[in-house]
Protein backbone atom coordinates (compact mmCIF):
# COMPACT_ATOMS: atom_id res chain seq x y z
CA MET A 1 -25.74 -32.81 -5.45
CA LYS A 2 -27.81 -29.47 -6.18
CA SER A 3 -27.76 -28.17 -9.55
CA GLU A 4 -30.89 -26.01 -9.90
CA TYR A 5 -30.23 -22.43 -8.93
CA ASN A 6 -31.15 -18.91 -9.59
CA THR A 7 -28.25 -16.99 -10.30
CA ILE A 8 -25.69 -19.51 -11.13
CA LEU A 9 -24.97 -22.46 -13.46
CA TYR A 10 -23.78 -26.30 -12.32
CA THR A 11 -22.80 -28.78 -14.34
CA ARG A 12 -20.14 -31.73 -13.53
CA ASN A 13 -18.99 -33.89 -16.68
CA GLU A 14 -16.34 -36.46 -17.07
CA GLY A 15 -14.30 -35.09 -13.54
CA VAL A 16 -14.86 -31.44 -14.13
CA THR A 17 -17.68 -28.79 -12.98
CA THR A 18 -18.50 -25.47 -14.64
CA ILE A 19 -20.22 -22.87 -12.68
CA THR A 20 -21.27 -20.21 -14.25
CA LEU A 21 -21.99 -17.29 -12.97
CA ASN A 22 -25.81 -16.47 -14.94
CA ARG A 23 -26.35 -12.73 -14.82
CA SER A 24 -25.60 -11.73 -18.15
CA GLU A 25 -28.11 -9.12 -17.82
CA SER A 26 -25.60 -6.92 -15.76
CA TYR A 27 -22.28 -8.71 -17.00
CA ASN A 28 -22.56 -11.07 -13.73
CA ALA A 29 -22.18 -8.71 -11.06
CA PHE A 30 -22.84 -9.80 -7.41
CA THR A 31 -26.03 -9.78 -6.13
CA ALA A 32 -26.60 -11.24 -2.28
CA GLU A 33 -28.12 -14.63 -3.17
CA MET A 34 -25.72 -14.91 -5.91
CA ARG A 35 -23.23 -14.68 -3.71
CA SER A 36 -25.32 -17.06 -1.52
CA GLU A 37 -25.24 -19.67 -4.46
CA LEU A 38 -21.73 -19.33 -5.64
CA LEU A 39 -20.25 -20.00 -1.98
CA GLN A 40 -22.35 -23.52 -1.74
CA ALA A 41 -22.29 -24.03 -5.33
CA LEU A 42 -18.20 -24.03 -4.48
CA GLN A 43 -18.92 -26.24 -1.14
CA THR A 44 -20.71 -28.93 -3.38
CA ALA A 45 -18.06 -29.00 -5.48
CA SER A 46 -15.36 -29.29 -2.51
CA ALA A 47 -17.17 -32.25 -1.80
CA ASP A 48 -18.02 -34.33 -4.24
CA THR A 49 -15.20 -36.80 -5.03
CA ALA A 50 -16.16 -37.45 -8.34
CA CYS A 51 -15.48 -33.89 -8.97
CA ARG A 52 -11.60 -32.91 -10.21
CA VAL A 53 -11.69 -30.24 -10.97
CA ILE A 54 -13.39 -26.72 -11.45
CA VAL A 55 -14.25 -24.29 -13.89
CA LEU A 56 -15.31 -21.05 -12.93
CA THR A 57 -16.67 -18.46 -15.95
CA GLY A 58 -19.25 -16.23 -16.16
CA ALA A 59 -22.61 -15.98 -18.81
CA GLY A 60 -23.08 -13.77 -21.93
CA LYS A 61 -20.30 -11.20 -22.59
CA ALA A 62 -18.25 -10.85 -19.02
CA PHE A 63 -16.95 -12.89 -16.43
CA CYS A 64 -18.03 -10.55 -13.26
CA SER A 65 -18.02 -6.77 -13.04
CA GLY A 66 -18.41 -7.49 -9.74
CA GLN A 67 -20.72 -6.22 -6.70
CA ASP A 68 -24.69 -5.05 -8.06
CA LEU A 69 -24.78 -1.62 -6.72
CA LYS A 70 -28.34 -1.76 -7.52
CA ASP A 71 -28.68 -4.18 -4.96
CA ILE A 72 -27.40 -2.21 -1.98
CA ALA A 73 -28.89 1.25 -3.65
CA GLY A 74 -30.44 3.57 -0.73
CA VAL A 75 -29.28 0.92 1.82
CA LYS A 76 -26.48 2.02 4.18
CA VAL A 77 -24.26 -1.09 4.40
CA ASP A 78 -22.21 -2.13 6.71
CA PHE A 79 -18.95 -3.07 4.38
CA ASN A 80 -17.17 -5.25 7.34
CA ASP A 81 -19.86 -7.73 7.75
CA PHE A 82 -21.01 -7.22 4.29
CA LEU A 83 -16.77 -8.60 3.08
CA LYS A 84 -16.81 -10.87 6.46
CA ASN A 85 -20.39 -12.71 5.56
CA GLY A 86 -20.27 -11.81 1.76
CA TYR A 87 -17.25 -12.58 -0.38
CA ASN A 88 -14.58 -13.43 2.09
CA PRO A 89 -16.48 -16.94 2.36
CA ILE A 90 -16.37 -17.94 -1.10
CA ILE A 91 -12.42 -16.52 -1.64
CA LEU A 92 -11.52 -19.01 0.93
CA ALA A 93 -14.03 -21.17 -0.39
CA MET A 94 -11.37 -21.20 -3.38
CA ARG A 95 -8.17 -21.09 -2.07
CA ASN A 96 -9.00 -23.52 0.48
CA MET A 97 -10.17 -25.74 -2.64
CA PRO A 98 -9.18 -29.19 -2.71
CA LYS A 99 -9.02 -29.10 -6.36
CA PRO A 100 -8.18 -26.43 -9.10
CA ILE A 101 -9.83 -23.86 -10.55
CA VAL A 102 -9.90 -22.80 -13.37
CA GLY A 103 -10.59 -19.53 -14.05
CA ARG A 104 -12.87 -18.87 -18.01
CA ILE A 105 -12.61 -15.20 -18.26
CA ASN A 106 -14.68 -14.66 -20.87
CA GLY A 107 -15.68 -10.97 -20.69
CA VAL A 108 -14.00 -8.28 -17.88
CA ALA A 109 -13.58 -8.91 -14.79
CA ALA A 110 -14.10 -6.27 -11.98
CA GLY A 111 -13.96 -5.18 -8.68
CA ALA A 112 -14.76 -8.05 -6.94
CA GLY A 113 -15.12 -9.79 -10.34
CA CYS A 114 -11.86 -8.97 -10.13
CA SER A 115 -10.98 -10.66 -7.43
CA LEU A 116 -12.62 -13.81 -8.36
CA ALA A 117 -10.46 -14.19 -11.32
CA LEU A 118 -6.95 -13.51 -8.86
CA ALA A 119 -8.44 -16.52 -6.68
CA CYS A 120 -8.74 -18.71 -9.22
CA ASP A 121 -5.45 -21.77 -9.89
CA TYR A 122 -5.29 -20.76 -13.18
CA CYS A 123 -6.53 -18.50 -15.93
CA VAL A 124 -7.58 -18.43 -19.67
CA ALA A 125 -8.78 -15.17 -21.06
CA ASP A 126 -10.26 -14.14 -24.05
CA GLU A 127 -7.74 -12.00 -25.97
CA ARG A 128 -10.68 -8.93 -26.02
CA ALA A 129 -11.30 -9.74 -21.74
CA SER A 130 -9.89 -7.05 -18.91
CA LEU A 131 -8.85 -7.11 -15.63
CA VAL A 132 -9.56 -4.27 -13.35
CA GLU A 133 -9.58 -2.85 -10.00
CA VAL A 134 -12.40 -0.37 -10.10
CA PHE A 135 -12.72 0.25 -6.37
CA VAL A 136 -10.69 3.66 -6.31
CA GLY A 137 -13.20 5.30 -8.81
CA ILE A 138 -16.33 5.06 -6.80
CA GLY A 139 -13.88 5.80 -3.07
CA LEU A 140 -13.32 2.61 -1.80
CA VAL A 141 -10.44 0.51 -1.48
CA LEU A 142 -10.00 -3.14 -2.35
CA ASP A 143 -11.27 -5.96 -1.21
CA SER A 144 -12.32 -9.69 -1.96
CA GLY A 145 -8.33 -10.73 -1.62
CA SER A 146 -7.46 -8.16 -4.57
CA SER A 147 -4.77 -6.96 -1.74
CA TYR A 148 -3.29 -10.11 -1.33
CA PHE A 149 -2.92 -11.83 -4.76
CA LEU A 150 -2.65 -8.48 -6.39
CA PRO A 151 0.92 -7.24 -5.42
CA ARG A 152 2.62 -11.03 -5.30
CA LEU A 153 1.64 -11.45 -8.84
CA VAL A 154 2.37 -8.09 -10.62
CA GLY A 155 4.95 -6.40 -7.32
CA SER A 156 3.99 -3.68 -4.86
CA ASN A 157 4.53 -0.82 -7.30
CA LYS A 158 2.27 -2.01 -10.25
CA ALA A 159 -0.40 -3.20 -7.33
CA PHE A 160 -0.37 0.74 -6.13
CA GLU A 161 -0.90 1.32 -9.98
CA LEU A 162 -3.50 -0.89 -10.82
CA ALA A 163 -4.97 -0.16 -7.69
CA THR A 164 -5.04 3.33 -7.11
CA MET A 165 -5.41 4.38 -10.20
CA GLY A 166 -8.17 1.75 -11.46
CA THR A 167 -5.90 0.94 -14.35
CA LYS A 168 -8.40 -1.54 -17.35
CA VAL A 169 -5.45 -4.11 -18.10
CA SER A 170 -5.91 -6.22 -21.30
CA ALA A 171 -5.84 -9.94 -21.32
CA SER A 172 -2.59 -10.05 -22.63
CA GLN A 173 -1.15 -7.30 -20.57
CA ALA A 174 -2.27 -9.92 -17.84
CA VAL A 175 -0.60 -12.95 -19.10
CA SER A 176 3.31 -10.72 -19.20
CA TRP A 177 2.17 -9.32 -16.00
CA GLY A 178 1.77 -12.58 -14.19
CA MET A 179 -1.72 -12.21 -13.52
CA ILE A 180 -3.38 -14.58 -15.65
CA ASN A 181 -1.75 -17.64 -17.63
CA LYS A 182 -3.14 -17.49 -20.87
CA ALA A 183 -4.97 -15.47 -23.24
CA VAL A 184 -6.29 -16.82 -26.77
CA PRO A 185 -8.23 -15.67 -29.72
CA SER A 186 -12.51 -15.96 -28.17
CA GLU A 187 -12.58 -18.96 -30.77
CA GLU A 188 -10.06 -21.00 -28.65
CA LEU A 189 -10.53 -19.70 -25.57
CA ASP A 190 -12.81 -23.06 -24.59
CA ASP A 191 -10.39 -25.69 -26.50
CA ALA A 192 -8.10 -23.90 -24.86
CA ILE A 193 -10.00 -24.31 -21.24
CA LEU A 194 -10.54 -28.01 -22.06
CA GLN A 195 -6.42 -28.23 -23.03
CA VAL A 196 -6.00 -27.45 -19.00
CA THR A 197 -9.14 -29.60 -17.79
CA ASN A 198 -8.58 -32.74 -19.28
CA TYR A 199 -5.21 -32.95 -17.50
CA TYR A 200 -6.33 -32.09 -14.44
CA ALA A 201 -9.38 -34.67 -14.72
CA ASN A 202 -6.90 -36.98 -14.97
CA ALA A 203 -3.80 -35.84 -12.58
CA PRO A 204 -3.25 -36.75 -9.15
CA THR A 205 -5.95 -34.42 -7.64
CA LYS A 206 -5.10 -35.21 -3.81
CA ALA A 207 -1.42 -34.53 -4.33
CA ILE A 208 -2.05 -31.68 -6.67
CA GLY A 209 -4.11 -30.36 -3.40
CA MET A 210 -1.43 -30.59 -0.57
CA ILE A 211 0.59 -28.28 -3.96
CA LYS A 212 -1.84 -25.84 -3.73
CA LYS A 213 -2.24 -25.55 0.04
CA MET A 214 1.36 -25.75 -0.04
CA LEU A 215 1.74 -22.80 -2.39
CA ASN A 216 -0.90 -20.70 -0.41
CA ASP A 217 1.25 -21.26 2.78
CA SER A 218 4.71 -20.90 1.36
CA GLY A 219 4.89 -17.05 1.78
CA ASN A 220 4.11 -16.87 5.39
CA LYS A 221 7.04 -19.39 6.84
CA THR A 222 10.65 -19.65 7.08
CA LEU A 223 12.32 -21.82 4.67
CA GLU A 224 12.36 -24.44 8.18
CA GLU A 225 9.74 -24.27 7.78
CA VAL A 226 8.81 -24.84 4.85
CA LEU A 227 10.93 -27.56 4.58
CA ASP A 228 8.88 -29.29 7.29
CA TYR A 229 6.13 -29.04 5.93
CA GLU A 230 6.72 -30.77 2.68
CA ALA A 231 8.51 -33.55 4.65
CA TYR A 232 4.41 -33.81 6.67
CA TYR A 233 2.84 -34.03 2.53
CA GLN A 234 5.03 -35.74 0.76
CA ASP A 235 4.93 -38.98 3.50
CA ILE A 236 0.90 -38.15 2.75
CA ALA A 237 1.60 -38.30 -1.20
CA GLY A 238 3.59 -41.25 -1.04
CA ASN A 239 1.26 -43.31 1.05
CA SER A 240 -1.46 -42.29 -1.48
CA SER A 241 -2.82 -44.79 -4.39
CA ASP A 242 -2.30 -42.21 -7.32
CA TYR A 243 1.81 -42.39 -5.61
CA ALA A 244 1.69 -46.40 -5.85
CA GLU A 245 0.26 -45.91 -9.74
CA GLY A 246 2.33 -43.87 -10.45
CA VAL A 247 5.68 -45.89 -9.86
CA ASN A 248 3.70 -48.82 -11.18
CA ALA A 249 2.91 -47.27 -14.24
CA PHE A 250 6.57 -45.83 -14.67
CA LEU A 251 8.37 -49.15 -13.93
CA GLU A 252 6.02 -51.14 -16.86
CA LYS A 253 6.22 -47.77 -19.15
CA ARG A 254 3.12 -46.92 -19.32
CA LYS A 255 0.60 -43.85 -18.71
CA PRO A 256 -0.73 -43.58 -15.20
CA VAL A 257 -4.51 -43.98 -14.32
CA PHE A 258 -4.56 -41.33 -11.16
CA LYS A 259 -8.08 -41.62 -9.39
CA GLY A 260 -7.28 -38.43 -7.23
CA GLN A 261 -7.09 -40.06 -3.71
């Protein structure tokens, strides 16, 4: 497993893989190298059978401030290619990840950084953090999945406001609008993350991965298709070792010990 990168930090401990964007001097803004390394780290975590949950966070005062404009200054950017080969594979890797990704939003999440936060499965933020879709401020449109995630989380009218006005959303407001799960004081952030990761590191990972896929796909399916989908995945879950352990634990009146298989 590769653990040495130039722009991120990658660690795993007791089933919890932590990926830290590590360009604090630029508020963890994306360069081509960081995009490449983040994608590689996500692929490594996905293939690692010992990884049960992933924490995505930023070093220093920010989560991620989006694209580093200095990295593309003076260059004529083909944005179609730039997104399809740069950011889109990252977002797809996150949403196709067969394990939960917990966003530790330690500071501002702006632009593509906001998209990155919204693509997580569960987000806990420092109450001083904020999320902001800054694209319109430089004459661009939403990208990296924000036009998909934002209206599904906050509704179309509020999504239009946030996208076209570039409104900064405080962590507490983001909780009330359903953008993230929880906001806590700075000194409680790590404990709050630990509570979530302790749960997922000991949960039935195979079932959770299938639940994630089902929820991802449910928005574009009919009820009949969803019912068929549920039956298909329930059959797989019902043949898992975690299901057998769950039933045995229930009958024996003890806490199940899931292996994620």
